Amino acid sequence: MTGLPPAFGRLDASWLIGAFWDARWWLMSSAVAAMCVWLWARRWWLRRARTMLRDRAVVSLVPAAGFDPSLEEIERHAARLARVPAVVGWAPKRAVGVRIRLSSDESRLSYRLEGPARAAALLRLRSFPDVDVVDPRAGNDEVPQIRFDGVPPLEPDGHDGDEDE
């Protein structure tokens, strides 16, 4: 009667211990298999996070001299940045965050956004009317865009508008 369960109403711990003892190899192999699967999944998740952190989108927002946003515009911009994790989807938490860097170069404020590559289109959207969106990785040979109200833009070099020369 060692392999049978105890009669109803009787508590006998030896039957339970015997059942676990008979299944010890099965339990041990299941625990090892579960640990291997967990370690593999964790390694894959961390590798995915590293890949996403390596491939980040960078956007610089350069405000005009008279830039003065309203509270509503600031809230809209913050709500847009808060949507980045939803745009990226199922990804490691550490790779989904948006980094904001403020810097000043020759008394000109630059607001730099770094985020996941999947959210690059969302980061490049213009949030404020007086802010230029610039790709800082484009190179240093890029001339900053200057805008004047009511004045048409200049023609490219070689086309001054004077045809007499």
C-alpha atoms as a PDB file:
ATOM      1  CA  MET A   1       0.000   0.000   0.000  1.00  0.00           C
ATOM      2  CA  THR A   2       2.924   2.333  -0.379  1.00  0.00           C
ATOM      3  CA  GLY A   3       1.937   3.675  -3.829  1.00  0.00           C
ATOM      4  CA  LEU A   4      -1.735   4.421  -3.022  1.00  0.00           C
ATOM      5  CA  PRO A   5      -3.091   7.702  -1.721  1.00  0.00           C
ATOM      6  CA  PRO A   6      -4.358   7.848   1.862  1.00  0.00           C
ATOM      7  CA  ALA A   7      -8.010   7.228   2.615  1.00  0.00           C
ATOM      8  CA  PHE A   8     -10.329  10.217   2.496  1.00  0.00           C
ATOM      9  CA  GLY A   9     -10.131  12.278   5.672  1.00  0.00           C
ATOM     10  CA  ARG A  10      -6.728  10.946   6.725  1.00  0.00           C
ATOM     11  CA  LEU A  11      -3.695  13.161   6.335  1.00  0.00           C
ATOM     12  CA  ASP A  12      -0.595  11.197   5.596  1.00  0.00           C
ATOM     13  CA  ALA A  13       2.486  13.225   4.615  1.00  0.00           C
ATOM     14  CA  SER A  14       4.470  10.131   3.743  1.00  0.00           C
ATOM     15  CA  TRP A  15       2.355   9.547   0.617  1.00  0.00           C
ATOM     16  CA  LEU A  16       3.046  13.088  -0.616  1.00  0.00           C
ATOM     17  CA  ILE A  17       6.764  12.778   0.113  1.00  0.00           C
ATOM     18  CA  GLY A  18       6.841   9.437  -1.691  1.00  0.00           C
ATOM     19  CA  ALA A  19       5.116  10.917  -4.738  1.00  0.00           C
ATOM     20  CA  PHE A  20       7.682  13.720  -4.951  1.00  0.00           C
ATOM     21  CA  TRP A  21      10.538  11.273  -4.409  1.00  0.00           C
ATOM     22  CA  ASP A  22       9.330   9.101  -7.296  1.00  0.00           C
ATOM     23  CA  ALA A  23       9.031  12.149  -9.587  1.00  0.00           C
ATOM     24  CA  ARG A  24      12.286  13.796  -8.503  1.00  0.00           C
ATOM     25  CA  TRP A  25      14.081  13.272 -11.836  1.00  0.00           C
ATOM     26  CA  TRP A  26      11.157  14.602 -13.792  1.00  0.00           C
ATOM     27  CA  LEU A  27      10.908  17.668 -11.528  1.00  0.00           C
ATOM     28  CA  MET A  28      14.667  18.284 -11.672  1.00  0.00           C
ATOM     29  CA  SER A  29      14.820  18.057 -15.465  1.00  0.00           C
ATOM     30  CA  SER A  30      11.785  20.355 -15.791  1.00  0.00           C
ATOM     31  CA  ALA A  31      13.407  22.940 -13.505  1.00  0.00           C
ATOM     32  CA  VAL A  32      16.672  22.822 -15.498  1.00  0.00           C
ATOM     33  CA  ALA A  33      14.780  23.125 -18.805  1.00  0.00           C
ATOM     34  CA  ALA A  34      12.752  26.081 -17.498  1.00  0.00           C
ATOM     35  CA  MET A  35      15.939  27.793 -16.300  1.00  0.00           C
ATOM     36  CA  CYS A  36      17.598  27.288 -19.709  1.00  0.00           C
ATOM     37  CA  VAL A  37      14.565  28.753 -21.519  1.00  0.00           C
ATOM     38  CA  TRP A  38      14.487  31.720 -19.132  1.00  0.00           C
ATOM     39  CA  LEU A  39      18.236  32.393 -19.606  1.00  0.00           C
ATOM     40  CA  TRP A  40      17.925  32.173 -23.401  1.00  0.00           C
ATOM     41  CA  ALA A  41      14.928  34.578 -23.403  1.00  0.00           C
ATOM     42  CA  ARG A  42      16.745  37.035 -21.136  1.00  0.00           C
ATOM     43  CA  ARG A  43      19.842  36.981 -23.343  1.00  0.00           C
ATOM     44  CA  TRP A  44      17.731  37.535 -26.462  1.00  0.00           C
ATOM     45  CA  TRP A  45      15.877  40.440 -24.773  1.00  0.00           C
ATOM     46  CA  LEU A  46      19.135  42.127 -23.701  1.00  0.00           C
ATOM     47  CA  ARG A  47      20.635  41.695 -27.186  1.00  0.00           C
ATOM     48  CA  ARG A  48      17.530  43.283 -28.670  1.00  0.00           C
ATOM     49  CA  ALA A  49      17.848  46.210 -26.244  1.00  0.00           C
ATOM     50  CA  ARG A  50      21.503  46.726 -27.220  1.00  0.00           C
ATOM     51  CA  THR A  51      20.604  46.668 -30.923  1.00  0.00           C
ATOM     52  CA  MET A  52      17.821  49.196 -30.436  1.00  0.00           C
ATOM     53  CA  LEU A  53      20.084  51.466 -28.364  1.00  0.00           C
ATOM     54  CA  ARG A  54      22.753  51.349 -31.068  1.00  0.00           C
ATOM     55  CA  ASP A  55      20.267  52.377 -33.798  1.00  0.00           C
ATOM     56  CA  ARG A  56      18.677  55.526 -32.382  1.00  0.00           C
ATOM     57  CA  ALA A  57      17.162  58.446 -34.257  1.00  0.00           C
ATOM     58  CA  VAL A  58      18.574  61.889 -33.451  1.00  0.00           C
ATOM     59  CA  VAL A  59      16.760  65.141 -34.209  1.00  0.00           C
ATOM     60  CA  SER A  60      17.741  68.704 -33.288  1.00  0.00           C
ATOM     61  CA  LEU A  61      15.114  71.361 -32.782  1.00  0.00           C
ATOM     62  CA  VAL A  62      16.511  74.863 -33.244  1.00  0.00           C
ATOM     63  CA  PRO A  63      14.156  77.666 -32.140  1.00  0.00           C
ATOM     64  CA  ALA A  64      13.962  81.109 -33.719  1.00  0.00           C
ATOM     65  CA  ALA A  65      15.134  84.160 -31.783  1.00  0.00           C
ATOM     66  CA  GLY A  66      11.642  85.159 -30.645  1.00  0.00           C
ATOM     67  CA  PHE A  67      10.508  81.673 -29.699  1.00  0.00           C
ATOM     68  CA  ASP A  68       7.852  81.815 -26.975  1.00  0.00           C
ATOM     69  CA  PRO A  69       5.604  78.704 -26.921  1.00  0.00           C
ATOM     70  CA  SER A  70       2.219  78.666 -25.279  1.00  0.00           C
ATOM     71  CA  LEU A  71       1.335  76.177 -22.563  1.00  0.00           C
ATOM     72  CA  GLU A  72      -0.899  74.305 -25.018  1.00  0.00           C
ATOM     73  CA  GLU A  73       1.983  73.860 -27.500  1.00  0.00           C
ATOM     74  CA  ILE A  74       4.252  72.555 -24.751  1.00  0.00           C
ATOM     75  CA  GLU A  75       1.582  70.071 -23.614  1.00  0.00           C
ATOM     76  CA  ARG A  76       1.088  68.892 -27.210  1.00  0.00           C
ATOM     77  CA  HIS A  77       4.837  68.362 -27.595  1.00  0.00           C
ATOM     78  CA  ALA A  78       5.026  66.444 -24.284  1.00  0.00           C
ATOM     79  CA  ALA A  79       2.052  64.278 -25.300  1.00  0.00           C
ATOM     80  CA  ARG A  80       3.794  63.476 -28.589  1.00  0.00           C
ATOM     81  CA  LEU A  81       6.947  62.396 -26.748  1.00  0.00           C
ATOM     82  CA  ALA A  82       4.829  60.305 -24.379  1.00  0.00           C
ATOM     83  CA  ARG A  83       3.450  58.360 -27.378  1.00  0.00           C
ATOM     84  CA  VAL A  84       6.901  57.083 -28.389  1.00  0.00           C
ATOM     85  CA  PRO A  85       6.607  53.759 -26.454  1.00  0.00           C
ATOM     86  CA  ALA A  86       3.255  53.055 -28.120  1.00  0.00           C
ATOM     87  CA  VAL A  87       4.736  53.703 -31.575  1.00  0.00           C
ATOM     88  CA  VAL A  88       7.723  51.442 -30.925  1.00  0.00           C
ATOM     89  CA  GLY A  89       5.589  48.582 -29.681  1.00  0.00           C
ATOM     90  CA  TRP A  90       6.876  45.513 -27.867  1.00  0.00           C
ATOM     91  CA  ALA A  91      10.447  46.381 -26.945  1.00  0.00           C
ATOM     92  CA  PRO A  92      12.740  46.517 -23.910  1.00  0.00           C
ATOM     93  CA  LYS A  93      11.894  49.392 -21.577  1.00  0.00           C
ATOM     94  CA  ARG A  94      15.450  50.724 -21.520  1.00  0.00           C
ATOM     95  CA  ALA A  95      15.499  51.054 -25.331  1.00  0.00           C
ATOM     96  CA  VAL A  96      12.182  52.891 -25.660  1.00  0.00           C
ATOM     97  CA  GLY A  97      13.021  56.030 -23.691  1.00  0.00           C
ATOM     98  CA  VAL A  98      13.471  59.430 -25.279  1.00  0.00           C
ATOM     99  CA  ARG A  99      16.533  61.416 -24.247  1.00  0.00           C
ATOM    100  CA  ILE A 100      16.279  65.209 -24.304  1.00  0.00           C
ATOM    101  CA  ARG A 101      19.484  67.257 -24.422  1.00  0.00           C
ATOM    102  CA  LEU A 102      19.543  71.020 -24.206  1.00  0.00           C
ATOM    103  CA  SER A 103      22.694  72.789 -25.365  1.00  0.00           C
ATOM    104  CA  SER A 104      23.750  76.280 -26.307  1.00  0.00           C
ATOM    105  CA  ASP A 105      26.223  77.061 -29.075  1.00  0.00           C
ATOM    106  CA  GLU A 106      27.172  80.736 -29.473  1.00  0.00           C
ATOM    107  CA  SER A 107      24.082  81.803 -27.493  1.00  0.00           C
ATOM    108  CA  ARG A 108      21.801  79.754 -29.740  1.00  0.00           C
ATOM    109  CA  LEU A 109      19.693  77.168 -27.938  1.00  0.00           C
ATOM    110  CA  SER A 110      19.507  73.668 -29.395  1.00  0.00           C
ATOM    111  CA  TYR A 111      17.027  71.073 -28.203  1.00  0.00           C
ATOM    112  CA  ARG A 112      18.151  67.569 -29.195  1.00  0.00           C
ATOM    113  CA  LEU A 113      15.878  64.513 -29.110  1.00  0.00           C
ATOM    114  CA  GLU A 114      17.209  60.959 -29.213  1.00  0.00           C
ATOM    115  CA  GLY A 115      14.782  58.074 -29.454  1.00  0.00           C
ATOM    116  CA  PRO A 116      14.168  54.650 -30.982  1.00  0.00           C
ATOM    117  CA  ALA A 117      14.612  54.372 -34.747  1.00  0.00           C
ATOM    118  CA  ARG A 118      11.026  53.143 -35.104  1.00  0.00           C
ATOM    119  CA  ALA A 119       9.791  56.460 -33.691  1.00  0.00           C
ATOM    120  CA  ALA A 120      11.962  58.639 -35.964  1.00  0.00           C
ATOM    121  CA  ALA A 121       8.977  59.984 -37.913  1.00  0.00           C
ATOM    122  CA  LEU A 122       7.245  61.001 -34.696  1.00  0.00           C
ATOM    123  CA  LEU A 123      10.380  62.745 -33.418  1.00  0.00           C
ATOM    124  CA  ARG A 124      10.829  64.655 -36.702  1.00  0.00           C
ATOM    125  CA  LEU A 125       7.338  66.165 -36.675  1.00  0.00           C
ATOM    126  CA  ARG A 126       7.279  69.919 -36.133  1.00  0.00           C
ATOM    127  CA  SER A 127       5.816  70.650 -32.730  1.00  0.00           C
ATOM    128  CA  PHE A 128       6.221  74.418 -32.701  1.00  0.00           C
ATOM    129  CA  PRO A 129       5.803  76.902 -35.573  1.00  0.00           C
ATOM    130  CA  ASP A 130       9.030  78.834 -34.802  1.00  0.00           C
ATOM    131  CA  VAL A 131      11.304  75.794 -34.552  1.00  0.00           C
ATOM    132  CA  ASP A 132      13.405  74.272 -37.336  1.00  0.00           C
ATOM    133  CA  VAL A 133      13.849  70.498 -37.335  1.00  0.00           C
ATOM    134  CA  VAL A 134      17.453  69.619 -38.259  1.00  0.00           C
ATOM    135  CA  ASP A 135      19.168  66.251 -38.609  1.00  0.00           C
ATOM    136  CA  PRO A 136      22.481  66.666 -36.711  1.00  0.00           C
ATOM    137  CA  ARG A 137      24.010  63.634 -38.446  1.00  0.00           C
ATOM    138  CA  ALA A 138      23.641  65.292 -41.872  1.00  0.00           C
ATOM    139  CA  GLY A 139      27.063  66.909 -41.560  1.00  0.00           C
ATOM    140  CA  ASN A 140      28.628  70.223 -40.687  1.00  0.00           C
ATOM    141  CA  ASP A 141      28.596  71.535 -44.264  1.00  0.00           C
ATOM    142  CA  GLU A 142      24.859  72.186 -44.016  1.00  0.00           C
ATOM    143  CA  VAL A 143      23.989  75.895 -43.869  1.00  0.00           C
ATOM    144  CA  PRO A 144      21.340  76.707 -41.271  1.00  0.00           C
ATOM    145  CA  GLN A 145      18.064  77.845 -42.777  1.00  0.00           C
ATOM    146  CA  ILE A 146      17.198  81.510 -42.217  1.00  0.00           C
ATOM    147  CA  ARG A 147      13.624  82.630 -42.728  1.00  0.00           C
ATOM    148  CA  PHE A 148      12.314  86.173 -43.233  1.00  0.00           C
ATOM    149  CA  ASP A 149       8.647  87.110 -43.212  1.00  0.00           C
ATOM    150  CA  GLY A 150       7.369  88.443 -46.526  1.00  0.00           C
ATOM    151  CA  VAL A 151      10.639  87.965 -48.434  1.00  0.00           C
ATOM    152  CA  PRO A 152      11.008  85.244 -51.102  1.00  0.00           C
ATOM    153  CA  PRO A 153      13.941  82.831 -50.676  1.00  0.00           C
ATOM    154  CA  LEU A 154      17.195  83.434 -52.568  1.00  0.00           C
ATOM    155  CA  GLU A 155      17.990  81.458 -55.689  1.00  0.00           C
ATOM    156  CA  PRO A 156      20.864  78.929 -55.540  1.00  0.00           C
ATOM    157  CA  ASP A 157      24.402  80.117 -56.426  1.00  0.00           C
ATOM    158  CA  GLY A 158      24.869  80.989 -60.094  1.00  0.00           C
ATOM    159  CA  HIS A 159      21.274  82.247 -60.519  1.00  0.00           C
ATOM    160  CA  ASP A 160      21.344  85.817 -59.136  1.00  0.00           C
ATOM    161  CA  GLY A 161      18.461  86.926 -61.256  1.00  0.00           C
ATOM    162  CA  ASP A 162      20.753  89.171 -63.364  1.00  0.00           C
ATOM    163  CA  GLU A 163      20.813  87.701 -66.827  1.00  0.00           C
ATOM    164  CA  ASP A 164      22.963  90.525 -68.336  1.00  0.00           C
ATOM    165  CA  GLU A 165      26.287  89.171 -67.196  1.00  0.00           C
END
